[in-house]
């Protein structure tokens, strides 16, 4: 969890907003709706870890598919 959301948003806006970015990551797993730590109305969540990752135990990216 980001401790200072305002600061994180400012950094994001300056560095990434409206810019093309390149990153490496790998597929971790899929989670059915209702069995995921992400509260979602979608039917499937794809969990992705970035390299380097920001978390040891959580995915960095969750792609939700309806």
C-alpha atoms as a PDB file:
ATOM      1  CA  UNK A   1       0.000   0.000   0.000  1.00  0.00           C
ATOM      2  CA  UNK A   2       1.245   3.466  -0.843  1.00  0.00           C
ATOM      3  CA  UNK A   3       1.718   5.462   2.342  1.00  0.00           C
ATOM      4  CA  UNK A   4       1.504   8.896   0.725  1.00  0.00           C
ATOM      5  CA  UNK A   5      -1.066   8.725  -2.056  1.00  0.00           C
ATOM      6  CA  UNK A   6      -0.781  12.429  -2.979  1.00  0.00           C
ATOM      7  CA  UNK A   7       2.993  12.187  -3.412  1.00  0.00           C
ATOM      8  CA  UNK A   8       2.693   8.935  -5.358  1.00  0.00           C
ATOM      9  CA  UNK A   9       0.089  10.479  -7.695  1.00  0.00           C
ATOM     10  CA  UNK A  10       2.321  13.530  -8.301  1.00  0.00           C
ATOM     11  CA  UNK A  11       5.320  11.347  -9.172  1.00  0.00           C
ATOM     12  CA  UNK A  12       3.142   9.180 -11.442  1.00  0.00           C
ATOM     13  CA  UNK A  13       1.764  12.235 -13.252  1.00  0.00           C
ATOM     14  CA  UNK A  14       5.227  13.723 -13.816  1.00  0.00           C
ATOM     15  CA  UNK A  15       6.901  10.514 -14.942  1.00  0.00           C
ATOM     16  CA  UNK A  16       4.269   8.303 -16.599  1.00  0.00           C
ATOM     17  CA  UNK A  17       0.976  10.082 -17.373  1.00  0.00           C
ATOM     18  CA  UNK A  18       0.435  10.336 -21.137  1.00  0.00           C
ATOM     19  CA  UNK A  19       3.817   8.716 -21.800  1.00  0.00           C
ATOM     20  CA  UNK A  20       4.604   5.366 -23.360  1.00  0.00           C
ATOM     21  CA  UNK A  21       6.406   3.088 -20.919  1.00  0.00           C
ATOM     22  CA  UNK A  22       8.225  -0.196 -21.344  1.00  0.00           C
ATOM     23  CA  UNK A  23       8.519  -2.809 -18.605  1.00  0.00           C
ATOM     24  CA  UNK A  24       9.183  -6.482 -18.160  1.00  0.00           C
ATOM     25  CA  UNK A  25       6.903  -8.765 -16.226  1.00  0.00           C
ATOM     26  CA  UNK A  26       5.704 -12.315 -16.037  1.00  0.00           C
ATOM     27  CA  UNK A  27       2.397 -14.074 -15.593  1.00  0.00           C
ATOM     28  CA  UNK A  28       1.827 -15.352 -12.047  1.00  0.00           C
ATOM     29  CA  UNK A  29      -1.663 -16.874 -12.001  1.00  0.00           C
ATOM     30  CA  UNK A  30      -5.355 -16.372 -12.685  1.00  0.00           C
ATOM     31  CA  UNK A  31      -8.011 -15.915 -10.019  1.00  0.00           C
ATOM     32  CA  UNK A  32     -11.734 -16.468 -10.466  1.00  0.00           C
ATOM     33  CA  UNK A  33     -14.023 -13.677  -9.237  1.00  0.00           C
ATOM     34  CA  UNK A  34     -14.822 -14.077  -5.558  1.00  0.00           C
ATOM     35  CA  UNK A  35     -11.549 -15.933  -4.865  1.00  0.00           C
ATOM     36  CA  UNK A  36      -9.262 -12.931  -5.240  1.00  0.00           C
ATOM     37  CA  UNK A  37      -7.842 -10.289  -2.940  1.00  0.00           C
ATOM     38  CA  UNK A  38      -9.070  -7.733  -5.493  1.00  0.00           C
ATOM     39  CA  UNK A  39     -12.762  -6.836  -5.149  1.00  0.00           C
ATOM     40  CA  UNK A  40     -13.998  -6.957  -8.732  1.00  0.00           C
ATOM     41  CA  UNK A  41     -17.188  -7.485 -10.722  1.00  0.00           C
ATOM     42  CA  UNK A  42     -15.150  -9.161 -13.454  1.00  0.00           C
ATOM     43  CA  UNK A  43     -15.063 -12.902 -13.986  1.00  0.00           C
ATOM     44  CA  UNK A  44     -11.290 -13.406 -14.143  1.00  0.00           C
ATOM     45  CA  UNK A  45      -8.198 -11.613 -12.843  1.00  0.00           C
ATOM     46  CA  UNK A  46      -4.748 -12.140 -14.364  1.00  0.00           C
ATOM     47  CA  UNK A  47      -1.966 -11.490 -11.840  1.00  0.00           C
ATOM     48  CA  UNK A  48       1.369 -10.174 -13.148  1.00  0.00           C
ATOM     49  CA  UNK A  49       4.688  -9.510 -11.373  1.00  0.00           C
ATOM     50  CA  UNK A  50       6.975  -6.803 -12.705  1.00  0.00           C
ATOM     51  CA  UNK A  51      10.733  -7.134 -12.865  1.00  0.00           C
ATOM     52  CA  UNK A  52      11.801  -5.546 -10.602  1.00  0.00           C
ATOM     53  CA  UNK A  53       8.756  -5.950  -8.379  1.00  0.00           C
ATOM     54  CA  UNK A  54       7.455  -3.512  -5.786  1.00  0.00           C
ATOM     55  CA  UNK A  55       6.226  -6.338  -3.538  1.00  0.00           C
ATOM     56  CA  UNK A  56       7.574  -9.673  -2.404  1.00  0.00           C
ATOM     57  CA  UNK A  57       4.161 -11.316  -1.947  1.00  0.00           C
ATOM     58  CA  UNK A  58       1.635  -9.371  -4.063  1.00  0.00           C
ATOM     59  CA  UNK A  59       1.320  -8.993  -7.838  1.00  0.00           C
ATOM     60  CA  UNK A  60       2.215  -5.595  -9.246  1.00  0.00           C
ATOM     61  CA  UNK A  61      -0.484  -5.622 -11.891  1.00  0.00           C
ATOM     62  CA  UNK A  62      -3.972  -7.125 -11.968  1.00  0.00           C
ATOM     63  CA  UNK A  63      -5.753  -7.310 -15.311  1.00  0.00           C
ATOM     64  CA  UNK A  64      -9.514  -7.876 -14.869  1.00  0.00           C
ATOM     65  CA  UNK A  65     -11.525  -9.524 -17.622  1.00  0.00           C
ATOM     66  CA  UNK A  66     -15.318  -9.557 -17.752  1.00  0.00           C
END
